[in-house]
């Protein structure tokens, strides 16, 4: 049973580890990505309600041009836990939204190797580092449980 729990921890930790690490690497690389002008195609503020809180969020669609090719994106940042798109403070989100009305010019950072991958904001990585630490704890716990389960099985044999 201990080995099974260990494998369960490993299976949970690996996707968290991979996704978090990918986003962290992406975030650091995006600081050096070239910038281009973009234009907001559509935007809206919406309310996202959870069990313990309500957030106000911006949904955005924009276009930008790289090497005479038009690209389209809805991505605001490299993080899927972005604080730039949602906040509990409705006034803060509405002030951001004022600058993101349809037709508004924006600065877009794009990946030169894959120009279809773009962002508008550079995010704080604190949340991703927390997820990475959680994945590391799960990974270590999984390895420890698998080792203990193997040791118990060898003692029984």
C-alpha atoms as a PDB file:
ATOM      1  CA  UNK A   1       0.000   0.000   0.000  1.00  0.00           C
ATOM      2  CA  UNK A   2       2.880   2.353   0.802  1.00  0.00           C
ATOM      3  CA  UNK A   3       4.332   1.843  -2.680  1.00  0.00           C
ATOM      4  CA  UNK A   4       0.942   2.625  -4.225  1.00  0.00           C
ATOM      5  CA  UNK A   5       0.735   5.891  -2.303  1.00  0.00           C
ATOM      6  CA  UNK A   6       4.273   6.712  -3.422  1.00  0.00           C
ATOM      7  CA  UNK A   7       3.402   6.141  -7.075  1.00  0.00           C
ATOM      8  CA  UNK A   8       0.274   8.267  -6.628  1.00  0.00           C
ATOM      9  CA  UNK A   9       2.395  11.140  -5.269  1.00  0.00           C
ATOM     10  CA  UNK A  10       4.813  10.767  -8.175  1.00  0.00           C
ATOM     11  CA  UNK A  11       1.995  10.817 -10.727  1.00  0.00           C
ATOM     12  CA  UNK A  12       0.565  13.976  -9.195  1.00  0.00           C
ATOM     13  CA  UNK A  13       3.916  15.743  -8.817  1.00  0.00           C
ATOM     14  CA  UNK A  14       5.279  15.233 -12.325  1.00  0.00           C
ATOM     15  CA  UNK A  15       2.644  17.226 -14.282  1.00  0.00           C
ATOM     16  CA  UNK A  16       2.787  20.025 -11.693  1.00  0.00           C
ATOM     17  CA  UNK A  17       6.605  20.029 -11.908  1.00  0.00           C
ATOM     18  CA  UNK A  18       6.669  20.025 -15.718  1.00  0.00           C
ATOM     19  CA  UNK A  19       4.008  22.715 -16.163  1.00  0.00           C
ATOM     20  CA  UNK A  20       5.448  24.985 -13.484  1.00  0.00           C
ATOM     21  CA  UNK A  21       9.007  24.652 -14.730  1.00  0.00           C
ATOM     22  CA  UNK A  22       7.906  25.259 -18.319  1.00  0.00           C
ATOM     23  CA  UNK A  23       6.102  28.467 -17.317  1.00  0.00           C
ATOM     24  CA  UNK A  24       9.036  29.687 -15.205  1.00  0.00           C
ATOM     25  CA  UNK A  25      11.502  29.137 -18.066  1.00  0.00           C
ATOM     26  CA  UNK A  26       9.046  30.813 -20.455  1.00  0.00           C
ATOM     27  CA  UNK A  27       8.672  33.799 -18.124  1.00  0.00           C
ATOM     28  CA  UNK A  28      12.416  34.351 -17.819  1.00  0.00           C
ATOM     29  CA  UNK A  29      12.921  33.972 -21.580  1.00  0.00           C
ATOM     30  CA  UNK A  30      10.066  36.381 -22.322  1.00  0.00           C
ATOM     31  CA  UNK A  31      11.991  39.268 -20.754  1.00  0.00           C
ATOM     32  CA  UNK A  32      14.249  39.219 -23.830  1.00  0.00           C
ATOM     33  CA  UNK A  33      11.495  38.635 -26.388  1.00  0.00           C
ATOM     34  CA  UNK A  34      11.167  41.385 -28.997  1.00  0.00           C
ATOM     35  CA  UNK A  35       8.223  43.756 -28.795  1.00  0.00           C
ATOM     36  CA  UNK A  36       5.795  44.860 -31.435  1.00  0.00           C
ATOM     37  CA  UNK A  37       2.652  46.942 -31.602  1.00  0.00           C
ATOM     38  CA  UNK A  38      -0.629  45.165 -31.252  1.00  0.00           C
ATOM     39  CA  UNK A  39      -4.273  46.124 -31.205  1.00  0.00           C
ATOM     40  CA  UNK A  40      -7.060  44.984 -28.911  1.00  0.00           C
ATOM     41  CA  UNK A  41      -9.784  43.230 -30.924  1.00  0.00           C
ATOM     42  CA  UNK A  42     -12.151  42.533 -28.045  1.00  0.00           C
ATOM     43  CA  UNK A  43     -12.106  42.786 -24.278  1.00  0.00           C
ATOM     44  CA  UNK A  44     -14.472  42.326 -21.397  1.00  0.00           C
ATOM     45  CA  UNK A  45     -14.526  42.344 -17.621  1.00  0.00           C
ATOM     46  CA  UNK A  46     -16.217  39.399 -15.971  1.00  0.00           C
ATOM     47  CA  UNK A  47     -16.726  38.128 -12.449  1.00  0.00           C
ATOM     48  CA  UNK A  48     -15.257  34.788 -11.394  1.00  0.00           C
ATOM     49  CA  UNK A  49     -16.739  33.438  -8.182  1.00  0.00           C
ATOM     50  CA  UNK A  50     -15.161  30.739  -6.073  1.00  0.00           C
ATOM     51  CA  UNK A  51     -16.027  29.157  -2.764  1.00  0.00           C
ATOM     52  CA  UNK A  52     -14.222  31.757  -0.698  1.00  0.00           C
ATOM     53  CA  UNK A  53     -13.747  34.775  -2.944  1.00  0.00           C
ATOM     54  CA  UNK A  54     -14.850  36.680  -5.992  1.00  0.00           C
ATOM     55  CA  UNK A  55     -12.358  37.916  -8.545  1.00  0.00           C
ATOM     56  CA  UNK A  56     -12.789  40.371 -11.370  1.00  0.00           C
ATOM     57  CA  UNK A  57     -11.036  39.344 -14.572  1.00  0.00           C
ATOM     58  CA  UNK A  58     -10.239  40.645 -18.033  1.00  0.00           C
ATOM     59  CA  UNK A  59     -10.776  38.522 -21.092  1.00  0.00           C
ATOM     60  CA  UNK A  60      -8.771  39.902 -23.982  1.00  0.00           C
ATOM     61  CA  UNK A  61      -8.249  39.142 -27.665  1.00  0.00           C
ATOM     62  CA  UNK A  62      -5.593  41.027 -29.620  1.00  0.00           C
ATOM     63  CA  UNK A  63      -3.720  40.945 -32.898  1.00  0.00           C
ATOM     64  CA  UNK A  64      -0.140  41.858 -33.743  1.00  0.00           C
ATOM     65  CA  UNK A  65       2.148  41.704 -36.780  1.00  0.00           C
ATOM     66  CA  UNK A  66       5.538  40.004 -37.041  1.00  0.00           C
ATOM     67  CA  UNK A  67       7.394  39.898 -40.370  1.00  0.00           C
ATOM     68  CA  UNK A  68       4.274  41.031 -42.242  1.00  0.00           C
ATOM     69  CA  UNK A  69       2.245  38.138 -40.797  1.00  0.00           C
ATOM     70  CA  UNK A  70      -0.765  38.847 -38.583  1.00  0.00           C
ATOM     71  CA  UNK A  71      -1.046  36.828 -35.376  1.00  0.00           C
ATOM     72  CA  UNK A  72      -3.854  36.653 -32.867  1.00  0.00           C
ATOM     73  CA  UNK A  73      -3.730  35.810 -29.159  1.00  0.00           C
ATOM     74  CA  UNK A  74      -5.750  35.805 -25.964  1.00  0.00           C
ATOM     75  CA  UNK A  75      -2.755  35.219 -23.725  1.00  0.00           C
ATOM     76  CA  UNK A  76      -1.938  37.959 -21.231  1.00  0.00           C
ATOM     77  CA  UNK A  77       1.118  36.430 -19.565  1.00  0.00           C
ATOM     78  CA  UNK A  78       3.237  33.289 -19.338  1.00  0.00           C
ATOM     79  CA  UNK A  79       1.593  32.191 -16.098  1.00  0.00           C
ATOM     80  CA  UNK A  80      -1.667  30.293 -15.835  1.00  0.00           C
ATOM     81  CA  UNK A  81      -1.917  31.810 -12.362  1.00  0.00           C
ATOM     82  CA  UNK A  82      -1.593  35.327 -13.655  1.00  0.00           C
ATOM     83  CA  UNK A  83      -2.347  38.193 -11.326  1.00  0.00           C
ATOM     84  CA  UNK A  84      -2.490  40.559 -14.296  1.00  0.00           C
ATOM     85  CA  UNK A  85      -5.796  39.191 -15.598  1.00  0.00           C
ATOM     86  CA  UNK A  86      -7.725  38.851 -12.326  1.00  0.00           C
ATOM     87  CA  UNK A  87      -7.937  40.602  -8.991  1.00  0.00           C
ATOM     88  CA  UNK A  88     -10.374  40.900  -6.094  1.00  0.00           C
ATOM     89  CA  UNK A  89     -10.278  44.664  -6.503  1.00  0.00           C
ATOM     90  CA  UNK A  90     -12.833  45.536  -9.173  1.00  0.00           C
ATOM     91  CA  UNK A  91     -11.541  49.116  -9.444  1.00  0.00           C
ATOM     92  CA  UNK A  92      -8.025  47.879 -10.235  1.00  0.00           C
ATOM     93  CA  UNK A  93      -9.298  45.588 -13.002  1.00  0.00           C
ATOM     94  CA  UNK A  94     -11.538  48.330 -14.400  1.00  0.00           C
ATOM     95  CA  UNK A  95      -8.565  50.724 -14.540  1.00  0.00           C
ATOM     96  CA  UNK A  96      -6.574  48.114 -16.491  1.00  0.00           C
ATOM     97  CA  UNK A  97      -9.599  47.512 -18.681  1.00  0.00           C
ATOM     98  CA  UNK A  98      -9.802  51.205 -19.623  1.00  0.00           C
ATOM     99  CA  UNK A  99      -6.443  50.845 -21.370  1.00  0.00           C
ATOM    100  CA  UNK A 100      -7.571  47.641 -23.090  1.00  0.00           C
ATOM    101  CA  UNK A 101     -10.716  48.703 -24.926  1.00  0.00           C
ATOM    102  CA  UNK A 102     -11.226  47.395 -28.495  1.00  0.00           C
ATOM    103  CA  UNK A 103      -9.034  49.339 -30.914  1.00  0.00           C
ATOM    104  CA  UNK A 104      -6.530  50.322 -28.208  1.00  0.00           C
ATOM    105  CA  UNK A 105      -2.855  49.988 -29.133  1.00  0.00           C
ATOM    106  CA  UNK A 106      -0.822  47.659 -26.914  1.00  0.00           C
ATOM    107  CA  UNK A 107       2.788  46.494 -26.648  1.00  0.00           C
ATOM    108  CA  UNK A 108       3.137  42.769 -27.292  1.00  0.00           C
ATOM    109  CA  UNK A 109       6.145  40.587 -26.485  1.00  0.00           C
ATOM    110  CA  UNK A 110       6.459  37.601 -28.824  1.00  0.00           C
ATOM    111  CA  UNK A 111       8.670  34.544 -28.957  1.00  0.00           C
ATOM    112  CA  UNK A 112      10.990  35.056 -31.951  1.00  0.00           C
ATOM    113  CA  UNK A 113      11.266  31.284 -32.489  1.00  0.00           C
ATOM    114  CA  UNK A 114       7.467  30.901 -32.397  1.00  0.00           C
ATOM    115  CA  UNK A 115       5.908  34.309 -33.195  1.00  0.00           C
ATOM    116  CA  UNK A 116       2.410  32.978 -32.518  1.00  0.00           C
ATOM    117  CA  UNK A 117       3.310  32.787 -28.829  1.00  0.00           C
ATOM    118  CA  UNK A 118       2.901  36.226 -27.265  1.00  0.00           C
ATOM    119  CA  UNK A 119       2.211  37.982 -23.986  1.00  0.00           C
ATOM    120  CA  UNK A 120       1.378  41.465 -22.787  1.00  0.00           C
ATOM    121  CA  UNK A 121       2.434  41.323 -19.113  1.00  0.00           C
ATOM    122  CA  UNK A 122       5.491  39.991 -17.293  1.00  0.00           C
ATOM    123  CA  UNK A 123       4.172  38.278 -14.173  1.00  0.00           C
ATOM    124  CA  UNK A 124       5.448  37.787 -10.681  1.00  0.00           C
ATOM    125  CA  UNK A 125       6.531  34.152 -10.333  1.00  0.00           C
ATOM    126  CA  UNK A 126       5.803  33.655  -6.628  1.00  0.00           C
ATOM    127  CA  UNK A 127       2.761  31.442  -7.229  1.00  0.00           C
ATOM    128  CA  UNK A 128       4.628  29.251  -9.680  1.00  0.00           C
ATOM    129  CA  UNK A 129       7.542  28.823  -7.292  1.00  0.00           C
ATOM    130  CA  UNK A 130       5.067  27.706  -4.618  1.00  0.00           C
ATOM    131  CA  UNK A 131       3.619  25.113  -7.017  1.00  0.00           C
ATOM    132  CA  UNK A 132       7.146  23.989  -7.904  1.00  0.00           C
ATOM    133  CA  UNK A 133       7.959  23.561  -4.189  1.00  0.00           C
ATOM    134  CA  UNK A 134       4.719  21.606  -3.683  1.00  0.00           C
ATOM    135  CA  UNK A 135       5.617  19.332  -6.590  1.00  0.00           C
ATOM    136  CA  UNK A 136       9.086  18.799  -5.109  1.00  0.00           C
ATOM    137  CA  UNK A 137       7.587  17.825  -1.730  1.00  0.00           C
ATOM    138  CA  UNK A 138       5.183  15.402  -3.444  1.00  0.00           C
ATOM    139  CA  UNK A 139       8.021  13.985  -5.523  1.00  0.00           C
ATOM    140  CA  UNK A 140      10.251  13.474  -2.465  1.00  0.00           C
ATOM    141  CA  UNK A 141       7.354  11.965  -0.501  1.00  0.00           C
ATOM    142  CA  UNK A 142       6.545   9.644  -3.380  1.00  0.00           C
ATOM    143  CA  UNK A 143      10.126   8.425  -3.719  1.00  0.00           C
ATOM    144  CA  UNK A 144      10.362   7.906   0.059  1.00  0.00           C
ATOM    145  CA  UNK A 145       7.088   5.948   0.145  1.00  0.00           C
ATOM    146  CA  UNK A 146       8.152   3.745  -2.782  1.00  0.00           C
ATOM    147  CA  UNK A 147      11.495   3.010  -1.087  1.00  0.00           C
ATOM    148  CA  UNK A 148       9.811   2.208   2.226  1.00  0.00           C
ATOM    149  CA  UNK A 149       7.299  -0.034   0.479  1.00  0.00           C
ATOM    150  CA  UNK A 150      10.101  -1.879  -1.325  1.00  0.00           C
ATOM    151  CA  UNK A 151      12.037  -2.263   1.930  1.00  0.00           C
ATOM    152  CA  UNK A 152       8.955  -3.668   3.693  1.00  0.00           C
ATOM    153  CA  UNK A 153       8.363  -6.102   0.820  1.00  0.00           C
ATOM    154  CA  UNK A 154      11.974  -7.316   0.907  1.00  0.00           C
ATOM    155  CA  UNK A 155      11.792  -7.849   4.682  1.00  0.00           C
ATOM    156  CA  UNK A 156       8.665  -9.970   4.224  1.00  0.00           C
ATOM    157  CA  UNK A 157      10.333 -12.115   1.584  1.00  0.00           C
END
